[in-house]
C-alpha atoms as a PDB file:
ATOM      1  CA  MET A   1      99.354  69.687  23.951  1.00  0.00           C
ATOM      2  CA  THR A   2     100.952  66.171  24.350  1.00  0.00           C
ATOM      3  CA  LYS A   3      98.957  63.615  22.228  1.00  0.00           C
ATOM      4  CA  ARG A   4      97.369  60.523  24.072  1.00  0.00           C
ATOM      5  CA  ILE A   5      97.254  57.048  22.971  1.00  0.00           C
ATOM      6  CA  LEU A   6      94.843  54.439  24.177  1.00  0.00           C
ATOM      7  CA  ASN A   7      96.392  50.878  23.341  1.00  0.00           C
ATOM      8  CA  VAL A   8      93.852  47.899  23.435  1.00  0.00           C
ATOM      9  CA  VAL A   9      95.164  44.694  24.514  1.00  0.00           C
ATOM     10  CA  THR A  10      93.340  41.248  25.490  1.00  0.00           C
ATOM     11  CA  ASN A  11      92.127  39.451  28.522  1.00  0.00           C
ATOM     12  CA  VAL A  12      91.929  36.070  27.080  1.00  0.00           C
ATOM     13  CA  GLY A  13      94.697  33.162  27.280  1.00  0.00           C
ATOM     14  CA  HIS A  14      93.330  30.625  24.980  1.00  0.00           C
ATOM     15  CA  TYR A  15      91.170  29.523  22.193  1.00  0.00           C
ATOM     16  CA  ASP A  16      87.768  27.539  22.416  1.00  0.00           C
ATOM     17  CA  ASP A  17      89.935  24.725  22.993  1.00  0.00           C
ATOM     18  CA  PRO A  18      92.018  25.722  26.556  1.00  0.00           C
ATOM     19  CA  SER A  19      94.981  23.451  25.397  1.00  0.00           C
ATOM     20  CA  HIS A  20      95.816  26.033  22.768  1.00  0.00           C
ATOM     21  CA  LYS A  21      97.103  29.174  24.271  1.00  0.00           C
ATOM     22  CA  THR A  22      96.785  32.608  22.759  1.00  0.00           C
ATOM     23  CA  GLY A  23      96.811  36.008  24.090  1.00  0.00           C
ATOM     24  CA  LEU A  24      98.560  39.329  23.020  1.00  0.00           C
ATOM     25  CA  TRP A  25     101.133  39.146  20.181  1.00  0.00           C
ATOM     26  CA  LEU A  26     103.526  41.062  22.149  1.00  0.00           C
ATOM     27  CA  SER A  27     105.742  42.783  19.604  1.00  0.00           C
ATOM     28  CA  GLU A  28     102.585  44.453  18.060  1.00  0.00           C
ATOM     29  CA  LEU A  29     102.343  46.480  21.156  1.00  0.00           C
ATOM     30  CA  THR A  30     106.082  47.150  21.586  1.00  0.00           C
ATOM     31  CA  HIS A  31     106.721  48.246  17.878  1.00  0.00           C
ATOM     32  CA  ALA A  32     103.637  50.477  18.064  1.00  0.00           C
ATOM     33  CA  TRP A  33     104.862  51.699  21.674  1.00  0.00           C
ATOM     34  CA  HIS A  34     108.242  52.750  20.819  1.00  0.00           C
ATOM     35  CA  VAL A  35     107.002  54.768  17.998  1.00  0.00           C
ATOM     36  CA  PHE A  36     104.639  56.406  20.053  1.00  0.00           C
ATOM     37  CA  ASP A  37     107.038  56.869  22.978  1.00  0.00           C
ATOM     38  CA  ASP A  38     109.452  58.212  20.525  1.00  0.00           C
ATOM     39  CA  HIS A  39     106.971  61.111  19.581  1.00  0.00           C
ATOM     40  CA  GLY A  40     106.555  61.931  23.348  1.00  0.00           C
ATOM     41  CA  PHE A  41     103.028  60.565  23.114  1.00  0.00           C
ATOM     42  CA  GLU A  42     101.362  59.625  26.583  1.00  0.00           C
ATOM     43  CA  GLN A  43     100.139  56.078  26.547  1.00  0.00           C
ATOM     44  CA  THR A  44      97.406  53.989  28.470  1.00  0.00           C
ATOM     45  CA  LEU A  45      96.646  50.445  28.195  1.00  0.00           C
ATOM     46  CA  VAL A  46      93.026  49.245  28.234  1.00  0.00           C
ATOM     47  CA  SER A  47      91.554  45.752  27.842  1.00  0.00           C
ATOM     48  CA  PRO A  48      87.735  44.776  27.794  1.00  0.00           C
ATOM     49  CA  LYS A  49      87.797  43.561  31.268  1.00  0.00           C
ATOM     50  CA  GLY A  50      90.867  45.500  32.750  1.00  0.00           C
ATOM     51  CA  GLY A  51      93.511  43.817  34.604  1.00  0.00           C
ATOM     52  CA  ALA A  52      95.866  40.980  33.441  1.00  0.00           C
ATOM     53  CA  VAL A  53      97.099  40.345  30.062  1.00  0.00           C
ATOM     54  CA  PRO A  54      98.420  36.869  28.575  1.00  0.00           C
ATOM     55  CA  LEU A  55     101.135  36.709  25.985  1.00  0.00           C
ATOM     56  CA  GLU A  56     100.661  34.624  23.032  1.00  0.00           C
ATOM     57  CA  PRO A  57     103.106  31.873  23.458  1.00  0.00           C
ATOM     58  CA  ARG A  58     104.236  32.013  19.651  1.00  0.00           C
ATOM     59  CA  SER A  59     104.724  35.631  19.874  1.00  0.00           C
ATOM     60  CA  LEU A  60     107.693  34.807  22.274  1.00  0.00           C
ATOM     61  CA  LYS A  61     109.652  32.538  19.973  1.00  0.00           C
ATOM     62  CA  PHE A  62     111.873  32.747  17.079  1.00  0.00           C
ATOM     63  CA  PRO A  63     111.451  34.585  14.645  1.00  0.00           C
ATOM     64  CA  ASN A  64     108.674  36.813  16.492  1.00  0.00           C
ATOM     65  CA  TYR A  65     110.401  37.179  19.652  1.00  0.00           C
ATOM     66  CA  ASP A  66     112.347  40.458  18.740  1.00  0.00           C
ATOM     67  CA  LYS A  67     114.870  42.976  20.449  1.00  0.00           C
ATOM     68  CA  SER A  68     111.708  44.906  21.226  1.00  0.00           C
ATOM     69  CA  ALA A  69     109.602  42.285  22.670  1.00  0.00           C
ATOM     70  CA  LYS A  70     112.405  40.822  24.690  1.00  0.00           C
ATOM     71  CA  ALA A  71     113.477  44.244  26.083  1.00  0.00           C
ATOM     72  CA  TRP A  72     109.831  44.947  27.119  1.00  0.00           C
ATOM     73  CA  ARG A  73     109.506  41.351  28.703  1.00  0.00           C
ATOM     74  CA  SER A  74     112.718  42.008  30.820  1.00  0.00           C
ATOM     75  CA  ASP A  75     111.558  45.161  32.105  1.00  0.00           C
ATOM     76  CA  PRO A  76     109.391  44.811  35.367  1.00  0.00           C
ATOM     77  CA  THR A  77     107.882  48.003  35.064  1.00  0.00           C
ATOM     78  CA  ARG A  78     106.575  47.464  31.659  1.00  0.00           C
ATOM     79  CA  MET A  79     105.195  44.037  32.801  1.00  0.00           C
ATOM     80  CA  ALA A  80     103.640  45.632  35.212  1.00  0.00           C
ATOM     81  CA  LEU A  81     101.622  47.719  32.844  1.00  0.00           C
ATOM     82  CA  LEU A  82     100.304  44.486  31.630  1.00  0.00           C
ATOM     83  CA  GLU A  83      98.899  43.155  35.045  1.00  0.00           C
ATOM     84  CA  THR A  84      97.116  46.485  35.608  1.00  0.00           C
ATOM     85  CA  THR A  85      95.337  47.510  32.434  1.00  0.00           C
ATOM     86  CA  ALA A  86      92.622  49.987  32.873  1.00  0.00           C
ATOM     87  CA  SER A  87      88.813  49.184  31.883  1.00  0.00           C
ATOM     88  CA  PRO A  88      87.018  50.695  29.170  1.00  0.00           C
ATOM     89  CA  GLU A  89      84.717  52.109  32.143  1.00  0.00           C
ATOM     90  CA  GLN A  90      87.662  53.631  33.435  1.00  0.00           C
ATOM     91  CA  VAL A  91      88.396  55.632  30.179  1.00  0.00           C
ATOM     92  CA  ASP A  92      87.076  58.998  29.271  1.00  0.00           C
ATOM     93  CA  SER A  93      87.290  58.850  25.320  1.00  0.00           C
ATOM     94  CA  ALA A  94      87.949  62.824  25.409  1.00  0.00           C
ATOM     95  CA  ASP A  95      91.162  62.287  27.157  1.00  0.00           C
ATOM     96  CA  TYR A  96      92.427  60.603  24.043  1.00  0.00           C
ATOM     97  CA  ASP A  97      93.379  61.580  20.380  1.00  0.00           C
ATOM     98  CA  ALA A  98      93.905  58.019  19.246  1.00  0.00           C
ATOM     99  CA  ILE A  99      92.947  54.486  19.831  1.00  0.00           C
ATOM    100  CA  PHE A 100      95.173  51.504  18.778  1.00  0.00           C
ATOM    101  CA  PHE A 101      93.888  48.092  18.712  1.00  0.00           C
ATOM    102  CA  THR A 102      96.624  45.556  19.044  1.00  0.00           C
ATOM    103  CA  GLY A 103      96.150  41.794  18.059  1.00  0.00           C
ATOM    104  CA  GLY A 104      96.920  38.013  18.656  1.00  0.00           C
ATOM    105  CA  HIS A 105      94.168  35.442  18.110  1.00  0.00           C
ATOM    106  CA  ALA A 106      92.712  36.136  21.460  1.00  0.00           C
ATOM    107  CA  VAL A 107      91.283  39.270  20.451  1.00  0.00           C
ATOM    108  CA  MET A 108      88.890  37.729  18.361  1.00  0.00           C
ATOM    109  CA  TYR A 109      86.844  36.466  21.463  1.00  0.00           C
ATOM    110  CA  ASP A 110      86.788  39.663  23.683  1.00  0.00           C
ATOM    111  CA  PHE A 111      87.150  42.670  21.300  1.00  0.00           C
ATOM    112  CA  PRO A 112      84.214  42.529  19.261  1.00  0.00           C
ATOM    113  CA  GLY A 113      81.816  42.372  22.002  1.00  0.00           C
ATOM    114  CA  SER A 114      82.905  44.715  24.153  1.00  0.00           C
ATOM    115  CA  GLU A 115      80.260  47.508  24.444  1.00  0.00           C
ATOM    116  CA  GLY A 116      82.754  49.655  26.357  1.00  0.00           C
ATOM    117  CA  LEU A 117      85.212  49.481  23.854  1.00  0.00           C
ATOM    118  CA  GLN A 118      82.633  50.303  21.269  1.00  0.00           C
ATOM    119  CA  ARG A 119      81.721  53.499  22.909  1.00  0.00           C
ATOM    120  CA  ILE A 120      85.082  54.708  23.210  1.00  0.00           C
ATOM    121  CA  THR A 121      85.871  54.098  19.755  1.00  0.00           C
ATOM    122  CA  ARG A 122      82.726  55.414  18.098  1.00  0.00           C
ATOM    123  CA  GLU A 123      83.453  58.639  20.461  1.00  0.00           C
ATOM    124  CA  ILE A 124      87.043  58.891  19.311  1.00  0.00           C
ATOM    125  CA  PHE A 125      86.253  58.544  15.872  1.00  0.00           C
ATOM    126  CA  GLU A 126      83.313  60.863  15.628  1.00  0.00           C
ATOM    127  CA  SER A 127      85.244  63.756  17.593  1.00  0.00           C
ATOM    128  CA  GLY A 128      87.802  63.447  14.629  1.00  0.00           C
ATOM    129  CA  GLY A 129      90.411  61.377  16.544  1.00  0.00           C
ATOM    130  CA  ILE A 130      92.284  58.306  15.006  1.00  0.00           C
ATOM    131  CA  VAL A 131      91.064  54.792  15.171  1.00  0.00           C
ATOM    132  CA  ALA A 132      93.511  52.524  14.571  1.00  0.00           C
ATOM    133  CA  SER A 133      94.278  48.493  14.512  1.00  0.00           C
ATOM    134  CA  VAL A 134      96.960  45.941  13.562  1.00  0.00           C
ATOM    135  CA  CYS A 135      96.497  42.370  12.546  1.00  0.00           C
ATOM    136  CA  HIS A 136      93.978  40.896  14.269  1.00  0.00           C
ATOM    137  CA  GLY A 137      93.185  44.191  16.133  1.00  0.00           C
ATOM    138  CA  TYR A 138      90.569  44.862  13.547  1.00  0.00           C
ATOM    139  CA  CYS A 139      88.204  42.501  15.078  1.00  0.00           C
ATOM    140  CA  GLY A 140      87.350  45.269  17.750  1.00  0.00           C
ATOM    141  CA  LEU A 141      86.027  47.507  14.947  1.00  0.00           C
ATOM    142  CA  LEU A 142      83.662  44.785  13.404  1.00  0.00           C
ATOM    143  CA  ASP A 143      80.611  45.577  15.510  1.00  0.00           C
ATOM    144  CA  THR A 144      81.268  48.978  16.347  1.00  0.00           C
ATOM    145  CA  THR A 145      78.475  51.312  14.979  1.00  0.00           C
ATOM    146  CA  LEU A 146      78.349  54.958  14.523  1.00  0.00           C
ATOM    147  CA  SER A 147      75.562  57.308  16.010  1.00  0.00           C
ATOM    148  CA  ASP A 148      73.633  56.951  13.041  1.00  0.00           C
ATOM    149  CA  GLY A 149      73.862  53.311  13.565  1.00  0.00           C
ATOM    150  CA  SER A 150      75.921  52.407  10.735  1.00  0.00           C
ATOM    151  CA  TYR A 151      79.202  50.255  10.967  1.00  0.00           C
ATOM    152  CA  LEU A 152      82.062  52.442  11.585  1.00  0.00           C
ATOM    153  CA  ILE A 153      84.179  50.182   8.857  1.00  0.00           C
ATOM    154  CA  ALA A 154      81.402  50.229   6.341  1.00  0.00           C
ATOM    155  CA  GLY A 155      82.494  51.571   3.048  1.00  0.00           C
ATOM    156  CA  ARG A 156      86.057  52.345   4.214  1.00  0.00           C
ATOM    157  CA  LYS A 157      89.195  50.752   3.447  1.00  0.00           C
ATOM    158  CA  LEU A 158      91.010  48.618   5.711  1.00  0.00           C
ATOM    159  CA  THR A 159      93.227  45.642   6.304  1.00  0.00           C
ATOM    160  CA  GLY A 160      93.758  43.143   8.946  1.00  0.00           C
ATOM    161  CA  PHE A 161      95.152  39.254   9.240  1.00  0.00           C
ATOM    162  CA  ALA A 162      93.899  37.870   5.906  1.00  0.00           C
ATOM    163  CA  TRP A 163      92.531  34.402   5.802  1.00  0.00           C
ATOM    164  CA  PHE A 164      94.995  33.029   3.768  1.00  0.00           C
ATOM    165  CA  GLU A 165      97.656  33.952   6.524  1.00  0.00           C
ATOM    166  CA  GLU A 166      95.510  32.237   9.184  1.00  0.00           C
ATOM    167  CA  LYS A 167      95.777  29.085   6.977  1.00  0.00           C
ATOM    168  CA  LEU A 168      99.222  29.387   6.541  1.00  0.00           C
ATOM    169  CA  ALA A 169      99.534  29.806  10.452  1.00  0.00           C
ATOM    170  CA  ARG A 170      97.701  26.476  10.485  1.00  0.00           C
ATOM    171  CA  VAL A 171      94.820  28.069  13.125  1.00  0.00           C
ATOM    172  CA  ASP A 172      92.054  28.362  10.327  1.00  0.00           C
ATOM    173  CA  LYS A 173      90.442  25.357  12.126  1.00  0.00           C
ATOM    174  CA  LEU A 174      90.922  26.973  15.651  1.00  0.00           C
ATOM    175  CA  VAL A 175      89.823  30.324  15.117  1.00  0.00           C
ATOM    176  CA  PRO A 176      85.866  31.086  15.950  1.00  0.00           C
ATOM    177  CA  TYR A 177      85.232  32.927  12.675  1.00  0.00           C
ATOM    178  CA  ASN A 178      86.819  34.206   9.515  1.00  0.00           C
ATOM    179  CA  ALA A 179      87.695  37.985  10.383  1.00  0.00           C
ATOM    180  CA  GLU A 180      88.155  39.048   6.665  1.00  0.00           C
ATOM    181  CA  GLU A 181      85.094  37.637   5.620  1.00  0.00           C
ATOM    182  CA  ARG A 182      83.018  39.136   8.502  1.00  0.00           C
ATOM    183  CA  ALA A 183      84.854  42.814   7.681  1.00  0.00           C
ATOM    184  CA  LYS A 184      83.404  42.722   4.226  1.00  0.00           C
ATOM    185  CA  GLU A 185      80.137  41.565   5.379  1.00  0.00           C
ATOM    186  CA  ARG A 186      79.931  44.778   7.406  1.00  0.00           C
ATOM    187  CA  GLY A 187      80.630  46.882   4.157  1.00  0.00           C
ATOM    188  CA  ALA A 188      84.459  47.214   4.768  1.00  0.00           C
ATOM    189  CA  LEU A 189      86.680  47.484   1.485  1.00  0.00           C
ATOM    190  CA  TYR A 190      89.040  44.974   2.528  1.00  0.00           C
ATOM    191  CA  GLU A 191      92.493  45.270   1.363  1.00  0.00           C
ATOM    192  CA  LYS A 192      95.404  43.075   1.416  1.00  0.00           C
ATOM    193  CA  GLY A 193      99.083  43.009   0.495  1.00  0.00           C
ATOM    194  CA  THR A 194     100.506  40.851  -2.541  1.00  0.00           C
ATOM    195  CA  LEU A 195     102.687  38.654  -0.307  1.00  0.00           C
ATOM    196  CA  PRO A 196     101.579  37.232   3.425  1.00  0.00           C
ATOM    197  CA  PHE A 197     103.156  38.532   6.601  1.00  0.00           C
ATOM    198  CA  VAL A 198     104.567  41.376   4.806  1.00  0.00           C
ATOM    199  CA  SER A 199     103.994  44.917   6.188  1.00  0.00           C
ATOM    200  CA  TYR A 200     100.915  46.402   4.526  1.00  0.00           C
ATOM    201  CA  THR A 201      99.172  49.707   5.967  1.00  0.00           C
ATOM    202  CA  VAL A 202      96.042  51.268   4.962  1.00  0.00           C
ATOM    203  CA  VAL A 203      94.867  54.824   5.702  1.00  0.00           C
ATOM    204  CA  ASP A 204      91.078  56.034   4.888  1.00  0.00           C
ATOM    205  CA  GLY A 205      90.632  59.482   6.784  1.00  0.00           C
ATOM    206  CA  ASN A 206      91.227  58.939  10.334  1.00  0.00           C
ATOM    207  CA  LEU A 207      90.996  54.979  10.131  1.00  0.00           C
ATOM    208  CA  VAL A 208      94.552  53.610   9.974  1.00  0.00           C
ATOM    209  CA  THR A 209      94.995  49.763   9.461  1.00  0.00           C
ATOM    210  CA  GLY A 210      97.915  47.295   9.390  1.00  0.00           C
ATOM    211  CA  GLN A 211      97.512  43.710   8.058  1.00  0.00           C
ATOM    212  CA  ASN A 212      99.846  41.334  10.279  1.00  0.00           C
ATOM    213  CA  PRO A 213     102.132  41.489  13.110  1.00  0.00           C
ATOM    214  CA  GLY A 214     105.271  42.995  10.776  1.00  0.00           C
ATOM    215  CA  SER A 215     102.986  46.073   9.967  1.00  0.00           C
ATOM    216  CA  ALA A 216     102.959  47.472  13.616  1.00  0.00           C
ATOM    217  CA  LYS A 217     105.738  49.736  13.435  1.00  0.00           C
ATOM    218  CA  GLU A 218     104.455  51.073  10.108  1.00  0.00           C
ATOM    219  CA  THR A 219     100.735  51.697  11.215  1.00  0.00           C
ATOM    220  CA  ALA A 220     101.871  53.368  14.459  1.00  0.00           C
ATOM    221  CA  LYS A 221     104.175  55.839  12.295  1.00  0.00           C
ATOM    222  CA  LYS A 222     101.112  56.423  10.082  1.00  0.00           C
ATOM    223  CA  VAL A 223      99.048  57.452  13.024  1.00  0.00           C
ATOM    224  CA  ALA A 224     101.672  59.679  14.551  1.00  0.00           C
ATOM    225  CA  ASN A 225     102.325  61.518  11.028  1.00  0.00           C
ATOM    226  CA  LEU A 226      98.197  61.990  11.267  1.00  0.00           C
ATOM    227  CA  LEU A 227      98.759  63.341  14.931  1.00  0.00           C
ATOM    228  CA  LEU A 228     101.761  65.795  14.416  1.00  0.00           C
END
């Protein structure tokens, strides 16, 4: 059976201050997509509201705008996928073996409150499927509870964009909350790499997480290894 991946992307295009634009960090999607594609996995894009996905401007500039991101952006077919994402209501979790939350600061706004995404995540996780995230994607796991009412991330090792990295990126005054701290409040056993912005991933059972944009490829590879 061909394995199927549900990639989660954002619908939000700016911070609380509309003059500060944000959106999907493109390479976090493209790096993972290529890994999954190389393994022959089927992939679908879903977003909290469905429809169009804005791109984070900083992800389209050097050094973040790499060969993978450029290739996606110059491909009309691939870009069309970002205009027509599914909504959670259109998704049957039983059709997927893994869910992969991409990042970009935008996801801090629309991932946590999406009950549809929470439902899909809970169902995939409890059926033995893989729940994965990279960078700010872990914001999509912060409020997800299991059938017994406990937080999915409670007592589990994970990583995600660190507060120190927020400061280095000079957006600590713009973001709506401290995601690292919130994960710890939910009982997560948060880890981070020794150096900021260097690939760092954590696997705890069927929960796979990557710390920052540079971790997308490694995170996807670890998801693929669990699916093979």
